[in-house]
Amino acid sequence: AILEDTGFPLRTDGPQRQPFYDFQKRLPVWDARILPGNYTRFGAVDELLLEKDGALAIFGPGEGVHLEFTAPDREPPVGWSRVYVLESHGWCKDMDLFTGGGESLRPFPGEDSARRTRLHRAYNTRYMAGRR
Protein backbone atom coordinates (compact mmCIF):
# COMPACT_ATOMS: atom_id res chain seq x y z
CA ALA A 1 0.00 0.00 0.00
CA ILE A 2 1.49 3.31 -1.12
CA LEU A 3 0.13 6.76 -0.29
CA GLU A 4 0.71 9.08 -3.21
CA ASP A 5 -0.23 12.43 -4.69
CA THR A 6 -2.59 11.35 -7.47
CA GLY A 7 -4.02 14.67 -8.63
CA PHE A 8 -7.67 15.26 -9.46
CA PRO A 9 -9.43 13.28 -12.20
CA LEU A 10 -10.79 15.60 -14.90
CA ARG A 11 -14.52 16.06 -14.34
CA THR A 12 -17.00 16.54 -17.15
CA ASP A 13 -20.78 16.64 -16.96
CA GLY A 14 -22.99 14.26 -18.89
CA PRO A 15 -26.75 14.37 -19.40
CA GLN A 16 -28.56 16.02 -16.47
CA ARG A 17 -25.16 17.08 -15.09
CA GLN A 18 -24.25 13.50 -14.23
CA PRO A 19 -20.52 13.71 -13.40
CA PHE A 20 -17.88 11.68 -15.20
CA TYR A 21 -14.35 11.50 -13.83
CA ASP A 22 -11.54 10.72 -16.28
CA PHE A 23 -8.79 9.09 -14.22
CA GLN A 24 -6.46 9.10 -17.24
CA LYS A 25 -6.47 12.92 -17.29
CA ARG A 26 -5.56 14.45 -13.94
CA LEU A 27 -5.26 18.03 -12.75
CA PRO A 28 -2.58 18.96 -10.18
CA VAL A 29 -4.83 21.38 -8.27
CA TRP A 30 -8.53 21.81 -7.58
CA ASP A 31 -10.61 24.22 -5.55
CA ALA A 32 -10.42 22.14 -2.40
CA ARG A 33 -9.96 23.15 1.21
CA ILE A 34 -7.57 21.21 3.38
CA LEU A 35 -8.40 20.61 7.03
CA PRO A 36 -5.43 21.72 9.14
CA GLY A 37 -3.49 18.88 10.71
CA ASN A 38 -0.82 16.23 10.28
CA TYR A 39 -1.37 14.01 7.26
CA THR A 40 0.39 10.73 6.52
CA ARG A 41 3.73 11.06 4.74
CA PHE A 42 3.86 9.81 1.16
CA GLY A 43 5.21 6.30 0.61
CA ALA A 44 4.55 2.86 2.06
CA VAL A 45 1.65 2.73 4.54
CA ASP A 46 1.16 -1.02 4.90
CA GLU A 47 1.75 -0.92 8.66
CA LEU A 48 -1.11 1.57 9.13
CA LEU A 49 -3.54 -0.63 7.19
CA LEU A 50 -2.67 -4.10 8.48
CA GLU A 51 -4.94 -4.11 11.52
CA LYS A 52 -8.33 -2.70 12.41
CA ASP A 53 -6.96 -0.88 15.44
CA GLY A 54 -7.68 2.83 15.05
CA ALA A 55 -4.38 3.72 13.37
CA LEU A 56 -5.15 5.94 10.38
CA ALA A 57 -3.62 6.63 6.99
CA ILE A 58 -4.70 10.26 6.68
CA PHE A 59 -4.77 11.73 3.20
CA GLY A 60 -6.24 14.85 1.71
CA PRO A 61 -7.72 16.12 -1.56
CA GLY A 62 -5.95 14.82 -4.65
CA GLU A 63 -4.22 12.01 -2.79
CA GLY A 64 -4.88 8.29 -2.69
CA VAL A 65 -3.68 4.90 -1.52
CA HIS A 66 -2.49 2.54 -4.24
CA LEU A 67 -3.14 -1.05 -3.13
CA GLU A 68 -1.70 -4.19 -4.68
CA PHE A 69 -2.23 -7.79 -3.69
CA THR A 70 -1.61 -11.26 -5.05
CA ALA A 71 -4.57 -12.72 -6.92
CA PRO A 72 -5.58 -16.34 -6.34
CA ASP A 73 -3.47 -18.79 -8.35
CA ARG A 74 -6.27 -20.52 -10.17
CA GLU A 75 -8.51 -18.90 -12.73
CA PRO A 76 -12.28 -18.96 -12.25
CA PRO A 77 -14.22 -21.68 -14.12
CA VAL A 78 -15.13 -21.01 -17.76
CA GLY A 79 -18.08 -18.62 -17.96
CA TRP A 80 -17.43 -17.17 -14.50
CA SER A 81 -15.77 -13.90 -13.66
CA ARG A 82 -13.83 -12.75 -10.62
CA VAL A 83 -14.97 -9.73 -8.63
CA TYR A 84 -12.85 -7.99 -6.00
CA VAL A 85 -14.50 -6.18 -3.11
CA LEU A 86 -12.61 -3.67 -0.99
CA GLU A 87 -13.87 -3.57 2.57
CA SER A 88 -12.49 -0.61 4.42
CA HIS A 89 -12.71 0.50 8.01
CA GLY A 90 -12.31 4.24 8.25
CA TRP A 91 -14.09 7.52 8.08
CA CYS A 92 -14.36 10.62 5.99
CA LYS A 93 -14.31 14.08 7.49
CA ASP A 94 -15.09 17.30 5.71
CA MET A 95 -15.77 20.96 6.44
CA ASP A 96 -19.55 20.66 6.19
CA LEU A 97 -21.43 22.88 8.65
CA PHE A 98 -22.99 19.78 10.18
CA THR A 99 -19.70 17.92 10.69
CA GLY A 100 -18.66 17.91 14.33
CA GLY A 101 -15.15 19.28 14.65
CA GLY A 102 -15.02 20.07 10.93
CA GLU A 103 -12.42 22.79 11.38
CA SER A 104 -9.48 20.37 11.82
CA LEU A 105 -8.49 16.72 11.40
CA ARG A 106 -8.78 16.07 15.11
CA PRO A 107 -10.40 14.60 17.06
CA PHE A 108 -9.89 11.13 15.58
CA PRO A 109 -12.59 8.53 16.13
CA GLY A 110 -11.96 5.42 18.18
CA GLU A 111 -9.86 4.83 21.22
CA ASP A 112 -6.21 5.70 21.58
CA SER A 113 -3.73 2.91 22.06
CA ALA A 114 0.03 2.73 22.39
CA ARG A 115 0.27 1.20 18.89
CA ARG A 116 -1.91 3.88 17.31
CA THR A 117 0.08 6.66 19.02
CA ARG A 118 3.38 5.13 17.90
CA LEU A 119 2.22 4.74 14.29
CA HIS A 120 0.73 8.23 14.11
CA ARG A 121 3.97 9.76 15.38
CA ALA A 122 5.98 7.79 12.82
CA TYR A 123 3.72 8.26 9.77
CA ASN A 124 1.50 11.33 10.24
CA THR A 125 4.22 13.95 9.94
CA ARG A 126 3.12 16.05 6.95
CA TYR A 127 1.35 19.21 8.12
CA MET A 128 -1.09 20.76 5.65
CA ALA A 129 -3.74 23.48 5.81
CA GLY A 130 -5.45 25.94 3.47
CA ARG A 131 -6.44 25.34 -0.15
CA ARG A 132 -5.23 23.15 -2.94
C-alpha atoms as a PDB file:
ATOM      1  CA  ALA A   1       0.000   0.000   0.000  1.00  0.00           C
ATOM      2  CA  ILE A   2       1.494   3.306  -1.119  1.00  0.00           C
ATOM      3  CA  LEU A   3       0.126   6.758  -0.287  1.00  0.00           C
ATOM      4  CA  GLU A   4       0.715   9.085  -3.209  1.00  0.00           C
ATOM      5  CA  ASP A   5      -0.227  12.433  -4.686  1.00  0.00           C
ATOM      6  CA  THR A   6      -2.588  11.347  -7.469  1.00  0.00           C
ATOM      7  CA  GLY A   7      -4.024  14.667  -8.632  1.00  0.00           C
ATOM      8  CA  PHE A   8      -7.665  15.255  -9.456  1.00  0.00           C
ATOM      9  CA  PRO A   9      -9.434  13.277 -12.200  1.00  0.00           C
ATOM     10  CA  LEU A  10     -10.790  15.603 -14.895  1.00  0.00           C
ATOM     11  CA  ARG A  11     -14.521  16.059 -14.338  1.00  0.00           C
ATOM     12  CA  THR A  12     -17.001  16.538 -17.153  1.00  0.00           C
ATOM     13  CA  ASP A  13     -20.779  16.635 -16.957  1.00  0.00           C
ATOM     14  CA  GLY A  14     -22.989  14.261 -18.890  1.00  0.00           C
ATOM     15  CA  PRO A  15     -26.747  14.368 -19.396  1.00  0.00           C
ATOM     16  CA  GLN A  16     -28.558  16.016 -16.471  1.00  0.00           C
ATOM     17  CA  ARG A  17     -25.157  17.085 -15.091  1.00  0.00           C
ATOM     18  CA  GLN A  18     -24.246  13.499 -14.230  1.00  0.00           C
ATOM     19  CA  PRO A  19     -20.522  13.712 -13.401  1.00  0.00           C
ATOM     20  CA  PHE A  20     -17.885  11.678 -15.203  1.00  0.00           C
ATOM     21  CA  TYR A  21     -14.345  11.503 -13.826  1.00  0.00           C
ATOM     22  CA  ASP A  22     -11.541  10.724 -16.276  1.00  0.00           C
ATOM     23  CA  PHE A  23      -8.787   9.093 -14.221  1.00  0.00           C
ATOM     24  CA  GLN A  24      -6.460   9.096 -17.244  1.00  0.00           C
ATOM     25  CA  LYS A  25      -6.473  12.925 -17.287  1.00  0.00           C
ATOM     26  CA  ARG A  26      -5.561  14.455 -13.945  1.00  0.00           C
ATOM     27  CA  LEU A  27      -5.260  18.027 -12.747  1.00  0.00           C
ATOM     28  CA  PRO A  28      -2.582  18.964 -10.180  1.00  0.00           C
ATOM     29  CA  VAL A  29      -4.830  21.378  -8.268  1.00  0.00           C
ATOM     30  CA  TRP A  30      -8.532  21.805  -7.579  1.00  0.00           C
ATOM     31  CA  ASP A  31     -10.612  24.221  -5.553  1.00  0.00           C
ATOM     32  CA  ALA A  32     -10.415  22.143  -2.400  1.00  0.00           C
ATOM     33  CA  ARG A  33      -9.958  23.154   1.213  1.00  0.00           C
ATOM     34  CA  ILE A  34      -7.571  21.215   3.383  1.00  0.00           C
ATOM     35  CA  LEU A  35      -8.402  20.608   7.027  1.00  0.00           C
ATOM     36  CA  PRO A  36      -5.434  21.716   9.137  1.00  0.00           C
ATOM     37  CA  GLY A  37      -3.490  18.876  10.708  1.00  0.00           C
ATOM     38  CA  ASN A  38      -0.823  16.226  10.281  1.00  0.00           C
ATOM     39  CA  TYR A  39      -1.367  14.009   7.263  1.00  0.00           C
ATOM     40  CA  THR A  40       0.393  10.735   6.522  1.00  0.00           C
ATOM     41  CA  ARG A  41       3.725  11.065   4.740  1.00  0.00           C
ATOM     42  CA  PHE A  42       3.861   9.806   1.156  1.00  0.00           C
ATOM     43  CA  GLY A  43       5.210   6.303   0.606  1.00  0.00           C
ATOM     44  CA  ALA A  44       4.548   2.860   2.057  1.00  0.00           C
ATOM     45  CA  VAL A  45       1.652   2.732   4.541  1.00  0.00           C
ATOM     46  CA  ASP A  46       1.157  -1.025   4.899  1.00  0.00           C
ATOM     47  CA  GLU A  47       1.751  -0.925   8.657  1.00  0.00           C
ATOM     48  CA  LEU A  48      -1.107   1.570   9.129  1.00  0.00           C
ATOM     49  CA  LEU A  49      -3.541  -0.634   7.192  1.00  0.00           C
ATOM     50  CA  LEU A  50      -2.671  -4.104   8.476  1.00  0.00           C
ATOM     51  CA  GLU A  51      -4.937  -4.113  11.517  1.00  0.00           C
ATOM     52  CA  LYS A  52      -8.332  -2.699  12.411  1.00  0.00           C
ATOM     53  CA  ASP A  53      -6.955  -0.884  15.444  1.00  0.00           C
ATOM     54  CA  GLY A  54      -7.682   2.826  15.053  1.00  0.00           C
ATOM     55  CA  ALA A  55      -4.379   3.721  13.370  1.00  0.00           C
ATOM     56  CA  LEU A  56      -5.152   5.936  10.379  1.00  0.00           C
ATOM     57  CA  ALA A  57      -3.622   6.625   6.989  1.00  0.00           C
ATOM     58  CA  ILE A  58      -4.704  10.258   6.683  1.00  0.00           C
ATOM     59  CA  PHE A  59      -4.771  11.727   3.201  1.00  0.00           C
ATOM     60  CA  GLY A  60      -6.242  14.849   1.706  1.00  0.00           C
ATOM     61  CA  PRO A  61      -7.716  16.118  -1.555  1.00  0.00           C
ATOM     62  CA  GLY A  62      -5.948  14.823  -4.654  1.00  0.00           C
ATOM     63  CA  GLU A  63      -4.221  12.009  -2.786  1.00  0.00           C
ATOM     64  CA  GLY A  64      -4.878   8.286  -2.685  1.00  0.00           C
ATOM     65  CA  VAL A  65      -3.675   4.902  -1.519  1.00  0.00           C
ATOM     66  CA  HIS A  66      -2.490   2.536  -4.238  1.00  0.00           C
ATOM     67  CA  LEU A  67      -3.142  -1.054  -3.132  1.00  0.00           C
ATOM     68  CA  GLU A  68      -1.701  -4.186  -4.679  1.00  0.00           C
ATOM     69  CA  PHE A  69      -2.233  -7.789  -3.692  1.00  0.00           C
ATOM     70  CA  THR A  70      -1.613 -11.259  -5.046  1.00  0.00           C
ATOM     71  CA  ALA A  71      -4.574 -12.721  -6.924  1.00  0.00           C
ATOM     72  CA  PRO A  72      -5.582 -16.341  -6.335  1.00  0.00           C
ATOM     73  CA  ASP A  73      -3.471 -18.793  -8.347  1.00  0.00           C
ATOM     74  CA  ARG A  74      -6.266 -20.521 -10.166  1.00  0.00           C
ATOM     75  CA  GLU A  75      -8.506 -18.902 -12.729  1.00  0.00           C
ATOM     76  CA  PRO A  76     -12.280 -18.964 -12.252  1.00  0.00           C
ATOM     77  CA  PRO A  77     -14.216 -21.683 -14.118  1.00  0.00           C
ATOM     78  CA  VAL A  78     -15.133 -21.007 -17.758  1.00  0.00           C
ATOM     79  CA  GLY A  79     -18.077 -18.618 -17.958  1.00  0.00           C
ATOM     80  CA  TRP A  80     -17.432 -17.171 -14.497  1.00  0.00           C
ATOM     81  CA  SER A  81     -15.772 -13.898 -13.656  1.00  0.00           C
ATOM     82  CA  ARG A  82     -13.828 -12.751 -10.625  1.00  0.00           C
ATOM     83  CA  VAL A  83     -14.969  -9.726  -8.633  1.00  0.00           C
ATOM     84  CA  TYR A  84     -12.854  -7.992  -6.002  1.00  0.00           C
ATOM     85  CA  VAL A  85     -14.502  -6.178  -3.106  1.00  0.00           C
ATOM     86  CA  LEU A  86     -12.609  -3.670  -0.990  1.00  0.00           C
ATOM     87  CA  GLU A  87     -13.871  -3.573   2.573  1.00  0.00           C
ATOM     88  CA  SER A  88     -12.485  -0.607   4.422  1.00  0.00           C
ATOM     89  CA  HIS A  89     -12.714   0.498   8.010  1.00  0.00           C
ATOM     90  CA  GLY A  90     -12.307   4.240   8.254  1.00  0.00           C
ATOM     91  CA  TRP A  91     -14.093   7.516   8.085  1.00  0.00           C
ATOM     92  CA  CYS A  92     -14.356  10.616   5.990  1.00  0.00           C
ATOM     93  CA  LYS A  93     -14.310  14.075   7.489  1.00  0.00           C
ATOM     94  CA  ASP A  94     -15.094  17.302   5.705  1.00  0.00           C
ATOM     95  CA  MET A  95     -15.773  20.962   6.444  1.00  0.00           C
ATOM     96  CA  ASP A  96     -19.547  20.663   6.187  1.00  0.00           C
ATOM     97  CA  LEU A  97     -21.428  22.880   8.647  1.00  0.00           C
ATOM     98  CA  PHE A  98     -22.991  19.776  10.181  1.00  0.00           C
ATOM     99  CA  THR A  99     -19.700  17.917  10.685  1.00  0.00           C
ATOM    100  CA  GLY A 100     -18.664  17.908  14.331  1.00  0.00           C
ATOM    101  CA  GLY A 101     -15.147  19.281  14.654  1.00  0.00           C
ATOM    102  CA  GLY A 102     -15.023  20.071  10.930  1.00  0.00           C
ATOM    103  CA  GLU A 103     -12.419  22.795  11.378  1.00  0.00           C
ATOM    104  CA  SER A 104      -9.477  20.370  11.817  1.00  0.00           C
ATOM    105  CA  LEU A 105      -8.488  16.716  11.399  1.00  0.00           C
ATOM    106  CA  ARG A 106      -8.784  16.074  15.112  1.00  0.00           C
ATOM    107  CA  PRO A 107     -10.396  14.597  17.064  1.00  0.00           C
ATOM    108  CA  PHE A 108      -9.889  11.134  15.583  1.00  0.00           C
ATOM    109  CA  PRO A 109     -12.587   8.528  16.130  1.00  0.00           C
ATOM    110  CA  GLY A 110     -11.961   5.422  18.184  1.00  0.00           C
ATOM    111  CA  GLU A 111      -9.858   4.828  21.222  1.00  0.00           C
ATOM    112  CA  ASP A 112      -6.208   5.705  21.582  1.00  0.00           C
ATOM    113  CA  SER A 113      -3.734   2.908  22.056  1.00  0.00           C
ATOM    114  CA  ALA A 114       0.028   2.734  22.388  1.00  0.00           C
ATOM    115  CA  ARG A 115       0.269   1.197  18.891  1.00  0.00           C
ATOM    116  CA  ARG A 116      -1.905   3.884  17.309  1.00  0.00           C
ATOM    117  CA  THR A 117       0.076   6.665  19.022  1.00  0.00           C
ATOM    118  CA  ARG A 118       3.384   5.134  17.902  1.00  0.00           C
ATOM    119  CA  LEU A 119       2.217   4.742  14.292  1.00  0.00           C
ATOM    120  CA  HIS A 120       0.730   8.227  14.114  1.00  0.00           C
ATOM    121  CA  ARG A 121       3.971   9.759  15.381  1.00  0.00           C
ATOM    122  CA  ALA A 122       5.982   7.790  12.823  1.00  0.00           C
ATOM    123  CA  TYR A 123       3.720   8.261   9.772  1.00  0.00           C
ATOM    124  CA  ASN A 124       1.497  11.327  10.239  1.00  0.00           C
ATOM    125  CA  THR A 125       4.224  13.948   9.943  1.00  0.00           C
ATOM    126  CA  ARG A 126       3.124  16.052   6.948  1.00  0.00           C
ATOM    127  CA  TYR A 127       1.353  19.206   8.121  1.00  0.00           C
ATOM    128  CA  MET A 128      -1.092  20.761   5.650  1.00  0.00           C
ATOM    129  CA  ALA A 129      -3.739  23.479   5.805  1.00  0.00           C
ATOM    130  CA  GLY A 130      -5.452  25.939   3.472  1.00  0.00           C
ATOM    131  CA  ARG A 131      -6.443  25.342  -0.154  1.00  0.00           C
ATOM    132  CA  ARG A 132      -5.225  23.146  -2.938  1.00  0.00           C
END
